[in-house]
């Protein structure tokens, strides 16, 4: 399968929205127009440090989405990358889409001077974790979230 991975353009809104709604549905998170508008604006606000990649198949159909951003790492005195969202349409999973997306993420991260990219996933995301175990090193950090 031919796969291309690149940045979104303003003309990609509908395709992006379809993919992002699929991601939200996978994690059973309600999605609203307000959230979609906000995230879409972040992608094109250059000073925001929030990025998106889209994977397309040989028919130019969007089949994968990745959102990532820069964040400071005070102990390193550097900015690092953080992968927020990764989604591949169910019928394209297992075809190498994620590998191509991670290759592009690695190039973009190196270009930005990030020494690494970090991410979290659901404990029961076994299929995703299988890919992540082949792609990156599992850290010993435990994630907490404080409601305010």
N, C-alpha and C. Protein backbone atom coordinates (compact mmCIF):
# COMPACT_ATOMS: atom_id res chain seq x y z
N UNK A 1 0.83 -1.18 0.00
CA UNK A 1 0.00 0.00 0.00
C UNK A 1 0.88 1.24 0.00
N UNK A 2 0.62 2.15 -0.91
CA UNK A 2 1.35 3.42 -0.95
C UNK A 2 0.77 4.34 0.12
N UNK A 3 1.65 4.90 0.94
CA UNK A 3 1.25 5.79 2.02
C UNK A 3 2.09 7.05 1.95
N UNK A 4 1.43 8.19 2.00
CA UNK A 4 2.14 9.47 2.10
C UNK A 4 1.71 10.14 3.40
N UNK A 5 2.66 10.79 4.04
CA UNK A 5 2.38 11.48 5.30
C UNK A 5 2.85 12.92 5.17
N UNK A 6 1.98 13.85 5.50
CA UNK A 6 2.34 15.26 5.40
C UNK A 6 1.50 16.13 6.30
N UNK A 7 1.80 17.41 6.25
CA UNK A 7 1.07 18.39 7.05
C UNK A 7 -0.32 18.64 6.47
N UNK A 8 -1.21 19.06 7.33
CA UNK A 8 -2.55 19.44 6.89
C UNK A 8 -2.51 20.81 6.22
N UNK A 9 -3.47 21.04 5.34
CA UNK A 9 -3.67 22.36 4.76
C UNK A 9 -5.06 22.84 5.18
N UNK A 10 -5.35 24.13 5.07
CA UNK A 10 -6.68 24.61 5.43
C UNK A 10 -7.80 23.92 4.65
N UNK A 11 -7.51 23.40 3.47
CA UNK A 11 -8.53 22.71 2.67
C UNK A 11 -8.85 21.31 3.20
N UNK A 12 -8.09 20.82 4.17
CA UNK A 12 -8.26 19.45 4.69
C UNK A 12 -9.22 19.36 5.87
N UNK A 13 -9.94 20.42 6.16
CA UNK A 13 -10.77 20.47 7.38
C UNK A 13 -11.74 19.28 7.47
N UNK A 14 -12.49 19.00 6.43
CA UNK A 14 -13.51 17.95 6.51
C UNK A 14 -12.88 16.58 6.74
N UNK A 15 -11.79 16.27 6.03
CA UNK A 15 -11.12 14.99 6.20
C UNK A 15 -10.53 14.87 7.60
N UNK A 16 -9.92 15.97 8.07
CA UNK A 16 -9.37 15.98 9.42
C UNK A 16 -10.46 15.74 10.45
N UNK A 17 -11.57 16.43 10.29
CA UNK A 17 -12.67 16.30 11.25
C UNK A 17 -13.20 14.87 11.30
N UNK A 18 -13.31 14.23 10.16
CA UNK A 18 -13.77 12.83 10.13
C UNK A 18 -12.81 11.94 10.91
N UNK A 19 -11.51 12.11 10.69
CA UNK A 19 -10.52 11.32 11.42
C UNK A 19 -10.55 11.62 12.92
N UNK A 20 -10.63 12.90 13.26
CA UNK A 20 -10.59 13.26 14.68
C UNK A 20 -11.84 12.79 15.42
N UNK A 21 -12.97 12.83 14.75
CA UNK A 21 -14.18 12.28 15.35
C UNK A 21 -14.04 10.77 15.56
N UNK A 22 -13.38 10.09 14.64
CA UNK A 22 -13.13 8.66 14.79
C UNK A 22 -12.25 8.37 15.99
N UNK A 23 -11.25 9.21 16.19
CA UNK A 23 -10.36 9.07 17.35
C UNK A 23 -11.14 9.27 18.65
N UNK A 24 -11.95 10.32 18.71
CA UNK A 24 -12.75 10.60 19.91
C UNK A 24 -13.72 9.45 20.19
N UNK A 25 -14.30 8.92 19.14
CA UNK A 25 -15.23 7.80 19.29
C UNK A 25 -14.51 6.58 19.85
N UNK A 26 -13.29 6.32 19.36
CA UNK A 26 -12.51 5.18 19.84
C UNK A 26 -12.32 5.27 21.36
N UNK A 27 -12.02 6.48 21.85
CA UNK A 27 -11.80 6.67 23.28
C UNK A 27 -13.07 7.06 24.03
N UNK A 28 -14.20 7.02 23.36
CA UNK A 28 -15.50 7.32 23.95
C UNK A 28 -15.51 8.69 24.62
N UNK A 29 -14.98 9.67 23.90
CA UNK A 29 -14.95 11.06 24.37
C UNK A 29 -15.90 11.86 23.50
N UNK A 30 -16.85 12.57 24.10
CA UNK A 30 -17.77 13.38 23.30
C UNK A 30 -17.01 14.46 22.52
N UNK A 31 -17.43 14.71 21.30
CA UNK A 31 -16.78 15.71 20.46
C UNK A 31 -17.81 16.77 20.10
N UNK A 32 -17.41 18.04 20.20
CA UNK A 32 -18.30 19.15 19.88
C UNK A 32 -17.69 20.01 18.79
N UNK A 33 -18.51 20.83 18.17
CA UNK A 33 -18.02 21.78 17.17
C UNK A 33 -17.02 22.75 17.78
N UNK A 34 -17.26 23.14 19.03
CA UNK A 34 -16.36 24.07 19.70
C UNK A 34 -14.96 23.46 19.86
N UNK A 35 -14.91 22.21 20.29
CA UNK A 35 -13.61 21.53 20.42
C UNK A 35 -12.94 21.43 19.06
N UNK A 36 -13.68 21.01 18.06
CA UNK A 36 -13.11 20.87 16.71
C UNK A 36 -12.57 22.20 16.22
N UNK A 37 -13.32 23.28 16.39
CA UNK A 37 -12.86 24.60 15.94
C UNK A 37 -11.60 25.03 16.68
N UNK A 38 -11.55 24.77 17.98
CA UNK A 38 -10.39 25.15 18.78
C UNK A 38 -9.14 24.39 18.33
N UNK A 39 -9.25 23.08 18.23
CA UNK A 39 -8.09 22.27 17.84
C UNK A 39 -7.64 22.64 16.43
N UNK A 40 -8.59 22.81 15.52
CA UNK A 40 -8.25 23.19 14.15
C UNK A 40 -7.47 24.51 14.14
N UNK A 41 -7.87 25.47 14.96
CA UNK A 41 -7.17 26.76 15.00
C UNK A 41 -5.75 26.61 15.54
N UNK A 42 -5.57 25.71 16.51
CA UNK A 42 -4.22 25.49 17.05
C UNK A 42 -3.25 25.01 15.97
N UNK A 43 -3.74 24.16 15.09
CA UNK A 43 -2.88 23.58 14.05
C UNK A 43 -2.26 24.66 13.17
N UNK A 44 -3.01 25.71 12.92
CA UNK A 44 -2.54 26.74 11.99
C UNK A 44 -2.04 28.00 12.68
N UNK A 45 -1.97 28.00 13.99
CA UNK A 45 -1.40 29.11 14.74
C UNK A 45 0.07 28.78 14.98
N UNK A 46 0.93 29.33 14.13
CA UNK A 46 2.35 28.96 14.12
C UNK A 46 3.02 29.10 15.48
N UNK A 47 2.68 30.13 16.23
CA UNK A 47 3.33 30.36 17.51
C UNK A 47 2.86 29.39 18.59
N UNK A 48 1.84 28.60 18.31
CA UNK A 48 1.26 27.72 19.32
C UNK A 48 2.11 26.47 19.56
N UNK A 49 2.87 26.03 18.57
CA UNK A 49 3.71 24.84 18.75
C UNK A 49 2.93 23.55 18.75
N UNK A 50 1.78 23.54 18.04
CA UNK A 50 0.92 22.36 17.94
C UNK A 50 0.86 21.97 16.48
N UNK A 51 1.05 20.70 16.19
CA UNK A 51 1.18 20.25 14.80
C UNK A 51 0.27 19.06 14.52
N UNK A 52 0.02 18.86 13.24
CA UNK A 52 -0.78 17.71 12.82
C UNK A 52 -0.16 17.11 11.57
N UNK A 53 -0.19 15.80 11.49
CA UNK A 53 0.20 15.07 10.29
C UNK A 53 -0.98 14.21 9.87
N UNK A 54 -1.14 14.05 8.57
CA UNK A 54 -2.19 13.19 8.05
C UNK A 54 -1.54 12.18 7.11
N UNK A 55 -1.97 10.94 7.22
CA UNK A 55 -1.51 9.88 6.31
C UNK A 55 -2.60 9.65 5.27
N UNK A 56 -2.17 9.50 4.02
CA UNK A 56 -3.11 9.24 2.93
C UNK A 56 -2.67 8.00 2.17
N UNK A 57 -3.66 7.27 1.68
CA UNK A 57 -3.35 6.08 0.89
C UNK A 57 -3.10 6.45 -0.56
N UNK A 58 -2.90 5.45 -1.41
CA UNK A 58 -2.60 5.68 -2.82
C UNK A 58 -3.70 6.40 -3.58
N UNK A 59 -4.92 6.36 -3.06
CA UNK A 59 -6.05 7.08 -3.67
C UNK A 59 -6.22 8.47 -3.08
N UNK A 60 -5.23 8.92 -2.31
CA UNK A 60 -5.24 10.23 -1.67
C UNK A 60 -6.34 10.35 -0.60
N UNK A 61 -6.77 9.23 -0.08
CA UNK A 61 -7.80 9.21 0.97
C UNK A 61 -7.11 9.28 2.33
N UNK A 62 -7.50 10.22 3.20
CA UNK A 62 -6.92 10.31 4.54
C UNK A 62 -7.26 9.06 5.36
N UNK A 63 -6.23 8.44 5.93
CA UNK A 63 -6.43 7.21 6.69
C UNK A 63 -5.79 7.25 8.08
N UNK A 64 -5.05 8.31 8.38
CA UNK A 64 -4.40 8.40 9.68
C UNK A 64 -4.17 9.83 10.09
N UNK A 65 -4.17 10.07 11.39
CA UNK A 65 -4.01 11.41 11.95
C UNK A 65 -3.12 11.36 13.17
N UNK A 66 -2.27 12.37 13.29
CA UNK A 66 -1.37 12.49 14.42
C UNK A 66 -1.32 13.95 14.85
N UNK A 67 -1.57 14.23 16.13
CA UNK A 67 -1.39 15.57 16.71
C UNK A 67 -0.22 15.50 17.68
N UNK A 68 0.65 16.48 17.63
CA UNK A 68 1.78 16.52 18.55
C UNK A 68 2.17 17.96 18.80
N UNK A 69 2.96 18.18 19.84
CA UNK A 69 3.30 19.55 20.23
C UNK A 69 4.65 19.58 20.92
N UNK A 70 5.17 20.79 21.04
CA UNK A 70 6.38 20.95 21.81
C UNK A 70 6.01 21.29 23.25
N UNK A 71 6.89 20.89 24.15
CA UNK A 71 6.69 21.25 25.56
C UNK A 71 8.07 21.40 26.20
N UNK A 72 8.17 22.27 27.20
CA UNK A 72 9.46 22.44 27.85
C UNK A 72 9.78 21.27 28.77
N UNK A 73 11.06 20.95 28.84
CA UNK A 73 11.56 19.96 29.79
C UNK A 73 12.56 20.69 30.68
N UNK A 74 12.11 21.24 31.80
CA UNK A 74 12.97 22.07 32.63
C UNK A 74 14.28 21.42 33.07
N UNK A 75 14.26 20.13 33.42
CA UNK A 75 15.50 19.48 33.86
C UNK A 75 16.52 19.38 32.74
N UNK A 76 16.07 19.39 31.51
CA UNK A 76 16.98 19.32 30.37
C UNK A 76 17.30 20.71 29.82
N UNK A 77 16.48 21.69 30.18
CA UNK A 77 16.66 23.02 29.62
C UNK A 77 16.40 23.04 28.12
N UNK A 78 15.51 22.15 27.67
CA UNK A 78 15.21 22.03 26.24
C UNK A 78 13.72 21.80 26.05
N UNK A 79 13.30 22.03 24.84
CA UNK A 79 11.95 21.64 24.45
C UNK A 79 12.00 20.21 23.94
N UNK A 80 10.95 19.47 24.22
CA UNK A 80 10.81 18.09 23.75
C UNK A 80 9.46 17.97 23.06
N UNK A 81 9.21 16.84 22.44
CA UNK A 81 7.94 16.63 21.78
C UNK A 81 6.98 15.81 22.63
N UNK A 82 5.70 16.06 22.42
CA UNK A 82 4.67 15.27 23.08
C UNK A 82 3.62 14.90 22.05
N UNK A 83 3.39 13.60 21.89
CA UNK A 83 2.38 13.09 20.97
C UNK A 83 1.05 13.01 21.71
N UNK A 84 0.08 13.80 21.27
CA UNK A 84 -1.23 13.82 21.93
C UNK A 84 -2.18 12.78 21.37
N UNK A 85 -2.29 12.72 20.06
CA UNK A 85 -3.32 11.89 19.43
C UNK A 85 -2.73 11.13 18.25
N UNK A 86 -3.12 9.87 18.13
CA UNK A 86 -2.74 9.05 16.98
C UNK A 86 -3.92 8.17 16.64
N UNK A 87 -4.35 8.24 15.38
CA UNK A 87 -5.52 7.46 14.96
C UNK A 87 -5.32 6.99 13.53
N UNK A 88 -5.64 5.73 13.31
CA UNK A 88 -5.67 5.15 11.96
C UNK A 88 -7.05 4.52 11.79
N UNK A 89 -7.66 4.75 10.64
CA UNK A 89 -8.99 4.16 10.40
C UNK A 89 -8.87 2.65 10.51
N UNK A 90 -9.89 2.00 11.08
CA UNK A 90 -9.80 0.56 11.34
C UNK A 90 -9.38 -0.29 10.14
N UNK A 91 -9.89 0.01 8.96
CA UNK A 91 -9.57 -0.82 7.80
C UNK A 91 -8.13 -0.67 7.31
N UNK A 92 -7.40 0.32 7.83
CA UNK A 92 -6.00 0.52 7.42
C UNK A 92 -5.00 0.14 8.51
N UNK A 93 -5.48 -0.35 9.62
CA UNK A 93 -4.57 -0.76 10.69
C UNK A 93 -3.83 -2.03 10.28
N UNK A 94 -2.57 -2.09 10.68
CA UNK A 94 -1.75 -3.25 10.34
C UNK A 94 -1.16 -3.20 8.94
N UNK A 95 -1.24 -2.05 8.28
CA UNK A 95 -0.73 -1.93 6.90
C UNK A 95 0.54 -1.08 6.81
N UNK A 96 1.08 -0.67 7.94
CA UNK A 96 2.30 0.13 7.93
C UNK A 96 2.06 1.63 8.03
N UNK A 97 0.81 2.05 8.15
CA UNK A 97 0.50 3.48 8.24
C UNK A 97 1.20 4.11 9.45
N UNK A 98 1.08 3.48 10.60
CA UNK A 98 1.66 4.04 11.82
C UNK A 98 3.18 4.14 11.70
N UNK A 99 3.81 3.15 11.10
CA UNK A 99 5.27 3.22 10.92
C UNK A 99 5.66 4.44 10.11
N UNK A 100 4.94 4.70 9.03
CA UNK A 100 5.24 5.87 8.19
C UNK A 100 4.99 7.16 8.95
N UNK A 101 3.95 7.18 9.77
CA UNK A 101 3.65 8.37 10.55
C UNK A 101 4.75 8.63 11.59
N UNK A 102 5.23 7.57 12.23
CA UNK A 102 6.30 7.75 13.20
C UNK A 102 7.60 8.18 12.52
N UNK A 103 7.87 7.71 11.32
CA UNK A 103 9.06 8.17 10.59
C UNK A 103 8.98 9.68 10.35
N UNK A 104 7.82 10.15 9.92
CA UNK A 104 7.64 11.58 9.66
C UNK A 104 7.74 12.37 10.97
N UNK A 105 7.15 11.85 12.04
CA UNK A 105 7.24 12.51 13.35
C UNK A 105 8.69 12.61 13.79
N UNK A 106 9.46 11.56 13.59
CA UNK A 106 10.87 11.57 13.96
C UNK A 106 11.64 12.65 13.20
N UNK A 107 11.38 12.77 11.91
CA UNK A 107 12.05 13.80 11.10
C UNK A 107 11.67 15.20 11.56
N UNK A 108 10.39 15.42 11.79
CA UNK A 108 9.91 16.73 12.25
C UNK A 108 10.50 17.06 13.61
N UNK A 109 10.57 16.07 14.49
CA UNK A 109 11.11 16.28 15.83
C UNK A 109 12.59 16.63 15.78
N UNK A 110 13.34 15.93 14.95
CA UNK A 110 14.77 16.23 14.79
C UNK A 110 14.95 17.65 14.24
N UNK A 111 14.12 18.01 13.28
CA UNK A 111 14.19 19.36 12.70
C UNK A 111 13.91 20.42 13.77
N UNK A 112 13.01 20.12 14.71
CA UNK A 112 12.69 21.05 15.79
C UNK A 112 13.71 21.03 16.92
N UNK A 113 14.67 20.10 16.87
CA UNK A 113 15.69 20.01 17.90
C UNK A 113 15.24 19.30 19.16
N UNK A 114 14.15 18.55 19.07
CA UNK A 114 13.66 17.82 20.24
C UNK A 114 14.49 16.54 20.41
N UNK A 115 15.00 16.26 21.60
CA UNK A 115 15.78 15.04 21.80
C UNK A 115 14.91 13.78 21.84
N UNK A 116 13.63 13.95 22.13
CA UNK A 116 12.71 12.81 22.14
C UNK A 116 11.28 13.30 22.05
N UNK A 117 10.39 12.34 21.81
CA UNK A 117 8.94 12.57 21.84
C UNK A 117 8.36 11.60 22.86
N UNK A 118 7.51 12.10 23.70
CA UNK A 118 6.89 11.30 24.75
C UNK A 118 5.39 11.21 24.48
N UNK A 119 4.76 10.13 24.93
CA UNK A 119 3.31 10.04 24.84
C UNK A 119 2.77 9.08 25.88
N UNK A 120 1.46 9.13 26.05
CA UNK A 120 0.77 8.21 26.95
C UNK A 120 -0.30 7.49 26.13
N UNK A 121 -0.75 6.38 26.64
CA UNK A 121 -1.85 5.66 25.99
C UNK A 121 -2.66 4.95 27.06
N UNK A 122 -3.82 4.51 26.67
CA UNK A 122 -4.67 3.76 27.61
C UNK A 122 -4.02 2.41 27.91
N UNK A 123 -4.13 1.99 29.15
CA UNK A 123 -3.53 0.72 29.56
C UNK A 123 -4.07 -0.44 28.73
N UNK A 124 -5.34 -0.37 28.34
CA UNK A 124 -5.94 -1.47 27.58
C UNK A 124 -5.87 -1.29 26.06
N UNK A 125 -5.05 -0.35 25.60
CA UNK A 125 -4.84 -0.17 24.15
C UNK A 125 -3.75 -1.15 23.69
N UNK A 126 -4.08 -2.42 23.72
CA UNK A 126 -3.08 -3.47 23.47
C UNK A 126 -2.50 -3.40 22.06
N UNK A 127 -3.33 -3.16 21.08
CA UNK A 127 -2.82 -3.09 19.70
C UNK A 127 -1.86 -1.91 19.54
N UNK A 128 -2.27 -0.76 20.05
CA UNK A 128 -1.40 0.41 20.00
C UNK A 128 -0.11 0.19 20.76
N UNK A 129 -0.22 -0.40 21.94
CA UNK A 129 0.97 -0.64 22.75
C UNK A 129 1.94 -1.59 22.07
N UNK A 130 1.42 -2.52 21.29
CA UNK A 130 2.29 -3.41 20.53
C UNK A 130 3.16 -2.63 19.56
N UNK A 131 2.56 -1.67 18.89
CA UNK A 131 3.31 -0.79 17.98
C UNK A 131 4.29 0.06 18.77
N UNK A 132 3.83 0.64 19.86
CA UNK A 132 4.69 1.53 20.65
C UNK A 132 5.89 0.78 21.21
N UNK A 133 5.69 -0.47 21.62
CA UNK A 133 6.80 -1.27 22.15
C UNK A 133 7.88 -1.50 21.09
N UNK A 134 7.50 -1.52 19.82
CA UNK A 134 8.48 -1.69 18.73
C UNK A 134 9.09 -0.35 18.31
N UNK A 135 8.43 0.75 18.65
CA UNK A 135 8.82 2.06 18.15
C UNK A 135 9.63 2.87 19.15
N UNK A 136 9.35 2.68 20.43
CA UNK A 136 9.93 3.53 21.46
C UNK A 136 10.22 2.72 22.72
N UNK A 137 10.82 3.38 23.67
CA UNK A 137 11.14 2.75 24.95
C UNK A 137 10.03 3.08 25.95
N UNK A 138 9.49 2.06 26.60
CA UNK A 138 8.49 2.27 27.64
C UNK A 138 9.20 2.81 28.88
N UNK A 139 8.72 3.93 29.37
CA UNK A 139 9.36 4.53 30.54
C UNK A 139 8.76 3.97 31.83
N UNK A 140 9.37 4.36 32.93
CA UNK A 140 8.88 3.92 34.24
C UNK A 140 7.96 4.96 34.88
N UNK A 141 7.66 6.03 34.14
CA UNK A 141 6.82 7.09 34.70
C UNK A 141 5.37 6.66 34.75
N UNK A 142 4.70 7.05 35.81
CA UNK A 142 3.27 6.80 36.00
C UNK A 142 2.56 8.15 35.85
N UNK A 143 1.45 8.18 35.16
CA UNK A 143 0.74 9.42 34.91
C UNK A 143 -0.40 9.62 35.91
N UNK A 144 -0.51 10.84 36.41
CA UNK A 144 -1.61 11.22 37.28
C UNK A 144 -2.33 12.41 36.68
N UNK A 145 -3.58 12.58 37.06
CA UNK A 145 -4.36 13.73 36.59
C UNK A 145 -5.16 14.26 37.77
N UNK A 146 -5.01 15.56 38.05
CA UNK A 146 -5.71 16.20 39.15
C UNK A 146 -6.85 17.05 38.59
N UNK A 147 -8.06 16.74 38.98
CA UNK A 147 -9.20 17.55 38.55
C UNK A 147 -9.22 18.86 39.32
N UNK A 148 -9.60 19.93 38.65
CA UNK A 148 -9.67 21.25 39.31
C UNK A 148 -11.01 21.91 39.02
